[in-house]
Amino acid sequence: MTPLNDFGTLEILGSYETGMKDLCDSTRLEDAGCVSRSLHRCSPVPMTLHDIYAPVRAELSRVEEVLAEELAVHAPRVRELLEHVTSYRGKRMRPALALLTAKCLGRLGEGHIFLATIVELIHTATLVHDDILDEAQMRRGIPTVSAKWGTEISVLLGDYLFSRAFSVLARFDGAACLGQLTRTTNMMCEGELVQLRSRYDLDLDESLYLHIAELKTAALCGVSARLGARLAGAPAEVEESFYQFGLKLGTAFQITDDCLDITGTENVVGKSLGTDLTQGKLTLPAIRLLQRLSPSERAEVAQMVQQGFPAPQRARFQELARKHASVESSLETARQLLLEGRAHLRNVPESAAKRSLYCLCDYILAREL
């Protein structure tokens, strides 16, 4: 099989195709200890989120309407900011998790529309703040709020989006969700703080990296699925199964994102890349690389980290990543997490919505690699 790039990425996907059984089969979705039989089973390659979200497409359109209503303000200068941030138009993965979970359980109601709106507002707020921390210039192919208007406005805009999220929660009487959403927001902030306190630590271990990924990224995915189940009236054990699925999926998403930070190109991925490395934030592929380097190579990378990875050194870092297969190894970890997540849904009745959740696993592993 011809590699997609020099990082062995397609080789990972090749073994992934060979080992996958019935993940997104249109007739059966039995657990077979693997993610899917083929990347071609959910939809023609490349899979699109539009296709994956088909079972809840109408509900996602309603979420867009509610988002627009919530962010409609009269002050022109504030409206310009909100119009800019809503033009990011991300993957809507967290709202989709809430809606697809409810659809799996056969009880998708108006409360789920508000829940999906809330988790997307929270997610958007974190993106605005993340771009400040990362000094990112681009997001979804357009300038970040911080690049265009500066740090002060970005901080306040992120805070505004958080407040709008909880304003929606209060209006739809979301008492069943309040505790989980406030706890999750705290976890996300904690994850960012732990990561910031761990910068430039060449001895950062994988367990702490995975803990950070769970807190700052996966927690919101997990709670989106959990509360989707809760509002559908699911028993506690079913709610927990969907939470674990979302948690594993979110962690895998963060790992693939960190791999793209090394292997991707900005015009394809649509955001600033290499920001983690320049900020001294060691991600899983970087941690794996440091574990495999010779003493002289490790000293070389340590110098890169301390110097903030100047542009001329990026190619050398990529060369070392190729040599030691640290990206390939990290993608395998993401694949294993997706397998574990899938196992949590083995007792959920078969449906188009369940197939979409499984196909989302395919999408995460294969996206723009």
Protein backbone atom coordinates (compact mmCIF):
# COMPACT_ATOMS: atom_id res chain seq x y z
CA MET A 1 0.00 0.00 0.00
CA THR A 2 1.36 3.40 -0.96
CA PRO A 3 1.89 5.67 2.07
CA LEU A 4 -0.19 8.83 2.29
CA ASN A 5 2.82 10.63 3.71
CA ASP A 6 6.20 9.84 5.18
CA PHE A 7 4.91 9.12 8.66
CA GLY A 8 3.53 5.64 7.99
CA THR A 9 -0.01 6.90 8.46
CA LEU A 10 -1.66 4.94 5.71
CA GLU A 11 0.11 1.80 6.86
CA ILE A 12 -1.70 2.20 10.17
CA LEU A 13 -4.98 2.63 8.31
CA GLY A 14 -4.15 -0.41 6.20
CA SER A 15 -3.78 -2.66 9.24
CA TYR A 16 -6.83 -0.93 10.66
CA GLU A 17 -8.86 -1.92 7.56
CA THR A 18 -7.61 -5.49 7.65
CA GLY A 19 -8.42 -6.03 11.31
CA MET A 20 -11.83 -4.29 11.48
CA LYS A 21 -15.06 -6.30 11.46
CA ASP A 22 -18.63 -5.08 11.11
CA LEU A 23 -18.22 -1.67 12.71
CA CYS A 24 -20.45 0.16 10.30
CA ASP A 25 -22.00 -2.78 8.48
CA SER A 26 -25.47 -1.81 7.32
CA THR A 27 -27.02 -4.97 8.72
CA ARG A 28 -25.04 -6.07 11.78
CA LEU A 29 -22.93 -4.31 14.40
CA GLU A 30 -21.81 -7.12 16.64
CA ASP A 31 -18.71 -6.64 18.72
CA ALA A 32 -15.72 -8.35 17.16
CA GLY A 33 -12.95 -6.79 19.20
CA CYS A 34 -12.05 -4.26 16.52
CA VAL A 35 -13.17 -0.88 15.25
CA SER A 36 -14.61 -1.68 11.84
CA ARG A 37 -14.18 -4.03 8.97
CA SER A 38 -13.30 -1.38 6.46
CA LEU A 39 -13.09 2.35 6.10
CA HIS A 40 -15.39 1.88 3.11
CA ARG A 41 -18.34 0.42 5.00
CA CYS A 42 -19.90 3.57 6.50
CA SER A 43 -19.89 5.65 3.34
CA PRO A 44 -17.69 6.10 0.27
CA VAL A 45 -14.23 7.28 1.18
CA PRO A 46 -13.61 10.00 2.15
CA MET A 47 -16.36 9.83 4.77
CA THR A 48 -17.98 13.15 5.53
CA LEU A 49 -19.58 14.32 8.72
CA HIS A 50 -22.61 15.30 6.67
CA ASP A 51 -23.15 11.61 5.90
CA ILE A 52 -22.29 10.41 9.39
CA TYR A 53 -24.74 12.85 10.97
CA ALA A 54 -27.59 11.83 8.65
CA PRO A 55 -29.81 10.34 11.41
CA VAL A 56 -29.85 13.69 13.25
CA ARG A 57 -29.40 16.13 10.39
CA ALA A 58 -32.75 17.82 10.97
CA GLU A 59 -32.06 18.20 14.69
CA LEU A 60 -28.60 19.64 14.02
CA SER A 61 -30.21 22.23 11.74
CA ARG A 62 -32.46 23.18 14.65
CA VAL A 63 -29.36 23.51 16.87
CA GLU A 64 -27.90 25.95 14.34
CA GLU A 65 -31.09 28.01 14.55
CA VAL A 66 -30.96 28.12 18.35
CA LEU A 67 -27.27 29.05 18.29
CA ALA A 68 -28.03 31.92 15.95
CA GLU A 69 -30.86 33.09 18.22
CA GLU A 70 -28.67 32.92 21.32
CA LEU A 71 -25.84 34.88 19.72
CA ALA A 72 -28.01 37.57 18.17
CA VAL A 73 -27.12 40.88 19.83
CA HIS A 74 -27.97 44.46 18.94
CA ALA A 75 -24.61 46.12 19.64
CA PRO A 76 -22.85 46.16 16.23
CA ARG A 77 -19.34 45.86 17.62
CA VAL A 78 -20.23 42.82 19.71
CA ARG A 79 -22.25 41.32 16.87
CA GLU A 80 -19.18 41.49 14.63
CA LEU A 81 -17.21 39.40 17.13
CA LEU A 82 -19.95 36.79 17.45
CA GLU A 83 -20.43 36.56 13.70
CA HIS A 84 -16.70 35.99 13.35
CA VAL A 85 -16.54 33.20 15.92
CA THR A 86 -19.66 31.47 14.58
CA SER A 87 -18.08 31.46 11.11
CA TYR A 88 -15.59 28.90 12.47
CA ARG A 89 -18.32 26.29 11.78
CA GLY A 90 -16.53 23.36 13.34
CA LYS A 91 -17.32 19.67 13.30
CA ARG A 92 -20.27 19.95 15.72
CA MET A 93 -19.06 16.67 17.17
CA ARG A 94 -20.26 17.32 20.71
CA PRO A 95 -23.81 18.29 19.71
CA ALA A 96 -23.88 15.27 17.41
CA LEU A 97 -22.85 12.98 20.26
CA ALA A 98 -25.74 14.24 22.40
CA LEU A 99 -28.26 13.89 19.58
CA LEU A 100 -27.05 10.54 18.24
CA THR A 101 -27.08 9.10 21.76
CA ALA A 102 -30.69 10.16 22.22
CA LYS A 103 -31.57 8.80 18.79
CA CYS A 104 -30.00 5.46 19.72
CA LEU A 105 -32.35 5.33 22.71
CA GLY A 106 -35.40 6.39 20.71
CA ARG A 107 -36.22 9.50 22.75
CA LEU A 108 -34.84 12.63 21.16
CA GLY A 109 -36.73 15.69 22.39
CA GLU A 110 -36.53 19.47 22.53
CA GLY A 111 -34.34 19.28 25.63
CA HIS A 112 -31.66 17.61 23.52
CA ILE A 113 -31.65 20.58 21.13
CA PHE A 114 -30.87 22.89 24.04
CA LEU A 115 -28.27 20.47 25.42
CA ALA A 116 -26.56 20.33 22.02
CA THR A 117 -26.58 24.13 21.86
CA ILE A 118 -25.05 24.40 25.33
CA VAL A 119 -22.17 21.99 24.71
CA GLU A 120 -21.35 23.74 21.42
CA LEU A 121 -21.28 27.13 23.15
CA ILE A 122 -18.98 25.74 25.84
CA HIS A 123 -16.73 24.19 23.21
CA THR A 124 -16.57 27.43 21.20
CA ALA A 125 -15.68 29.38 24.34
CA THR A 126 -12.76 27.01 24.97
CA LEU A 127 -11.54 27.44 21.39
CA VAL A 128 -11.42 31.22 21.81
CA HIS A 129 -9.43 30.85 25.03
CA ASP A 130 -7.21 28.07 23.62
CA ASP A 131 -6.16 30.29 20.74
CA ILE A 132 -4.91 32.85 23.24
CA LEU A 133 -2.86 30.25 25.11
CA ASP A 134 -1.47 28.79 21.88
CA GLU A 135 -0.90 32.19 20.24
CA ALA A 136 -2.66 30.64 17.23
CA GLN A 137 -3.17 32.77 14.15
CA MET A 138 -5.69 30.66 12.22
CA ARG A 139 -8.82 28.65 13.08
CA ARG A 140 -10.99 26.98 10.42
CA GLY A 141 -9.02 28.84 7.78
CA ILE A 142 -9.73 32.36 9.13
CA PRO A 143 -7.89 34.55 11.67
CA THR A 144 -8.49 33.71 15.31
CA VAL A 145 -10.24 36.23 17.52
CA SER A 146 -7.00 36.86 19.41
CA ALA A 147 -5.04 37.40 16.19
CA LYS A 148 -7.60 39.86 14.88
CA TRP A 149 -8.68 41.73 18.03
CA GLY A 150 -6.13 40.89 20.71
CA THR A 151 -6.06 39.12 24.04
CA GLU A 152 -8.38 41.37 26.06
CA ILE A 153 -11.31 41.00 23.68
CA SER A 154 -10.66 37.27 23.30
CA VAL A 155 -10.75 36.67 27.05
CA LEU A 156 -14.02 38.56 27.41
CA LEU A 157 -15.57 36.92 24.35
CA GLY A 158 -14.76 33.45 25.68
CA ASP A 159 -16.29 34.41 29.02
CA TYR A 160 -19.36 35.74 27.22
CA LEU A 161 -19.84 32.43 25.39
CA PHE A 162 -19.55 30.50 28.65
CA SER A 163 -22.18 32.75 30.23
CA ARG A 164 -24.49 32.30 27.24
CA ALA A 165 -24.21 28.53 27.60
CA PHE A 166 -25.34 28.59 31.20
CA SER A 167 -28.01 31.15 30.41
CA VAL A 168 -29.53 28.64 27.97
CA LEU A 169 -29.23 25.94 30.61
CA ALA A 170 -31.15 28.05 33.13
CA ARG A 171 -33.92 28.83 30.66
CA PHE A 172 -34.68 25.27 29.66
CA ASP A 173 -34.73 24.16 33.30
CA GLY A 174 -31.71 21.91 32.93
CA ALA A 175 -31.41 20.88 36.56
CA ALA A 176 -30.62 17.32 35.46
CA CYS A 177 -27.61 18.66 33.54
CA LEU A 178 -26.34 21.50 35.72
CA GLY A 179 -24.06 19.52 38.03
CA GLN A 180 -22.48 17.55 35.20
CA LEU A 181 -21.88 20.60 33.00
CA THR A 182 -20.36 22.74 35.76
CA ARG A 183 -18.15 19.83 36.82
CA THR A 184 -17.06 19.28 33.22
CA THR A 185 -16.24 22.96 32.72
CA ASN A 186 -14.08 22.83 35.85
CA MET A 187 -12.34 19.72 34.53
CA MET A 188 -11.57 21.42 31.23
CA CYS A 189 -9.99 24.38 33.00
CA GLU A 190 -8.05 22.03 35.27
CA GLY A 191 -6.71 20.18 32.24
CA GLU A 192 -5.43 23.39 30.69
CA LEU A 193 -3.80 24.42 33.97
CA VAL A 194 -2.06 21.06 34.38
CA GLN A 195 -0.82 21.24 30.80
CA LEU A 196 0.51 24.76 31.29
CA ARG A 197 2.31 23.70 34.49
CA SER A 198 3.84 20.76 32.58
CA ARG A 199 5.36 22.75 29.72
CA TYR A 200 8.98 22.00 28.75
CA ASP A 201 8.97 18.86 30.92
CA LEU A 202 10.92 16.34 28.86
CA ASP A 203 10.10 13.63 31.40
CA LEU A 204 6.34 14.05 31.09
CA ASP A 205 4.88 10.55 31.14
CA GLU A 206 2.08 9.13 29.04
CA SER A 207 -0.31 8.68 31.94
CA LEU A 208 -0.25 12.39 32.73
CA TYR A 209 -0.64 13.26 29.04
CA LEU A 210 -3.72 11.02 28.80
CA HIS A 211 -5.10 12.53 32.01
CA ILE A 212 -4.71 16.02 30.52
CA ALA A 213 -6.39 14.90 27.28
CA GLU A 214 -9.32 13.46 29.23
CA LEU A 215 -9.79 16.65 31.19
CA LYS A 216 -9.39 19.29 28.51
CA THR A 217 -10.95 17.50 25.52
CA ALA A 218 -12.61 14.18 26.26
CA ALA A 219 -14.64 15.30 29.28
CA LEU A 220 -16.98 17.45 27.17
CA CYS A 221 -17.42 14.64 24.64
CA GLY A 222 -18.22 12.23 27.44
CA VAL A 223 -20.72 14.49 29.16
CA SER A 224 -22.42 15.29 25.84
CA ALA A 225 -23.16 11.60 25.39
CA ARG A 226 -23.99 11.06 29.07
CA LEU A 227 -26.54 13.85 29.20
CA GLY A 228 -27.97 12.82 25.84
CA ALA A 229 -28.75 9.49 27.48
CA ARG A 230 -29.97 11.08 30.71
CA LEU A 231 -32.48 13.32 28.96
CA ALA A 232 -33.68 10.27 27.03
CA GLY A 233 -34.55 8.62 30.35
CA ALA A 234 -31.83 5.96 30.19
CA PRO A 235 -30.92 4.00 33.33
CA ALA A 236 -27.65 4.85 35.08
CA GLU A 237 -25.69 1.94 33.58
CA VAL A 238 -26.66 2.92 30.02
CA GLU A 239 -25.81 6.54 30.74
CA GLU A 240 -22.39 5.42 31.99
CA SER A 241 -21.81 3.32 28.84
CA PHE A 242 -22.39 6.30 26.59
CA TYR A 243 -20.20 8.46 28.82
CA GLN A 244 -17.33 6.00 28.52
CA PHE A 245 -17.79 5.86 24.75
CA GLY A 246 -17.60 9.65 24.52
CA LEU A 247 -14.60 9.75 26.82
CA LYS A 248 -12.61 7.25 24.75
CA LEU A 249 -13.65 8.91 21.50
CA GLY A 250 -12.64 12.35 22.81
CA THR A 251 -9.24 11.12 23.98
CA ALA A 252 -8.61 9.47 20.62
CA PHE A 253 -9.63 12.71 18.92
CA GLN A 254 -7.04 14.64 20.95
CA ILE A 255 -4.32 12.15 20.06
CA THR A 256 -5.06 12.38 16.34
CA ASP A 257 -5.16 16.17 16.67
CA ASP A 258 -1.70 16.08 18.26
CA CYS A 259 -0.45 13.87 15.43
CA LEU A 260 -1.80 16.35 12.89
CA ASP A 261 0.08 19.09 14.73
CA ILE A 262 3.25 17.32 13.56
CA THR A 263 2.28 15.82 10.20
CA GLY A 264 -0.47 18.10 8.90
CA THR A 265 -0.44 21.14 6.65
CA GLU A 266 -2.26 24.30 7.72
CA ASN A 267 -4.15 24.82 4.47
CA VAL A 268 -5.64 21.31 4.78
CA VAL A 269 -6.24 21.18 8.53
CA GLY A 270 -7.47 24.78 8.60
CA LYS A 271 -5.72 25.98 11.75
CA SER A 272 -2.29 26.96 13.03
CA LEU A 273 -0.07 23.90 13.46
CA GLY A 274 3.01 23.29 15.57
CA THR A 275 1.68 25.51 18.34
CA ASP A 276 1.95 22.81 21.01
CA LEU A 277 5.62 22.27 20.27
CA THR A 278 6.45 25.96 20.13
CA GLN A 279 4.73 26.43 23.50
CA GLY A 280 6.68 23.55 25.06
CA LYS A 281 3.60 21.31 25.37
CA LEU A 282 4.68 17.72 24.90
CA THR A 283 2.03 15.57 23.27
CA LEU A 284 1.88 11.80 22.88
CA PRO A 285 3.87 11.58 19.60
CA ALA A 286 6.53 13.84 21.11
CA ILE A 287 6.63 11.81 24.35
CA ARG A 288 6.93 8.56 22.38
CA LEU A 289 9.67 10.11 20.27
CA LEU A 290 11.70 11.16 23.32
CA GLN A 291 11.45 7.61 24.66
CA ARG A 292 12.99 6.20 21.48
CA LEU A 293 15.76 8.67 20.74
CA SER A 294 19.47 8.04 21.15
CA PRO A 295 21.17 10.24 23.77
CA SER A 296 22.51 12.58 21.09
CA GLU A 297 19.13 12.82 19.37
CA ARG A 298 17.39 13.45 22.69
CA ALA A 299 19.79 16.29 23.43
CA GLU A 300 19.02 17.70 19.98
CA VAL A 301 15.26 17.60 20.58
CA ALA A 302 15.68 19.03 24.08
CA GLN A 303 17.39 22.03 22.54
CA MET A 304 14.54 22.39 20.05
CA VAL A 305 12.01 22.38 22.91
CA GLN A 306 13.92 24.98 24.89
CA GLN A 307 14.26 27.21 21.82
CA GLY A 308 10.55 26.97 20.99
CA PHE A 309 10.97 24.92 17.81
CA PRO A 310 12.12 27.57 15.35
CA ALA A 311 10.72 26.97 11.86
CA PRO A 312 14.01 25.62 10.43
CA GLN A 313 13.98 22.84 13.08
CA ARG A 314 10.48 21.62 12.29
CA ALA A 315 11.68 19.53 9.34
CA ARG A 316 14.34 17.88 11.50
CA PHE A 317 11.76 17.03 14.17
CA GLN A 318 9.51 15.50 11.51
CA GLU A 319 12.45 13.49 10.22
CA LEU A 320 13.06 12.05 13.69
CA ALA A 321 9.35 11.32 14.10
CA ARG A 322 9.42 9.36 10.84
CA LYS A 323 12.57 7.50 11.82
CA HIS A 324 11.18 6.39 15.17
CA ALA A 325 7.52 5.95 14.10
CA SER A 326 6.21 7.98 17.02
CA VAL A 327 3.18 9.25 15.08
CA GLU A 328 2.32 5.74 13.89
CA SER A 329 2.58 4.46 17.46
CA SER A 330 0.35 7.24 18.76
CA LEU A 331 -2.30 6.54 16.12
CA GLU A 332 -2.31 2.91 17.22
CA THR A 333 -3.09 4.08 20.76
CA ALA A 334 -5.96 6.17 19.39
CA ARG A 335 -7.25 3.11 17.55
CA GLN A 336 -7.16 1.03 20.72
CA LEU A 337 -9.09 3.71 22.59
CA LEU A 338 -11.75 3.67 19.89
CA LEU A 339 -12.00 -0.10 20.23
CA GLU A 340 -12.52 0.29 23.97
CA GLY A 341 -15.14 2.96 23.40
CA ARG A 342 -17.01 0.79 20.95
CA ALA A 343 -17.11 -2.08 23.43
CA HIS A 344 -19.13 0.08 25.82
CA LEU A 345 -21.97 0.22 23.27
CA ARG A 346 -22.13 -3.48 22.47
CA ASN A 347 -25.48 -3.88 24.25
CA VAL A 348 -27.11 -0.85 22.64
CA PRO A 349 -29.76 -1.92 20.08
CA GLU A 350 -28.72 -1.69 16.45
CA SER A 351 -29.83 1.44 14.60
CA ALA A 352 -28.70 3.99 12.06
CA ALA A 353 -27.69 6.28 14.94
CA LYS A 354 -25.48 3.59 16.45
CA ARG A 355 -23.85 3.03 13.07
CA SER A 356 -23.15 6.75 12.92
CA LEU A 357 -21.40 6.66 16.29
CA TYR A 358 -19.21 3.84 15.04
CA CYS A 359 -18.52 5.65 11.76
CA LEU A 360 -17.47 8.69 13.77
CA CYS A 361 -14.67 6.48 15.12
CA ASP A 362 -13.54 5.82 11.54
CA TYR A 363 -13.65 9.52 10.75
CA ILE A 364 -11.55 10.48 13.76
CA LEU A 365 -8.79 8.02 12.94
CA ALA A 366 -8.70 8.81 9.23
CA ARG A 367 -9.22 12.58 9.19
CA GLU A 368 -6.71 14.46 7.05
CA LEU A 369 -3.88 12.11 7.93
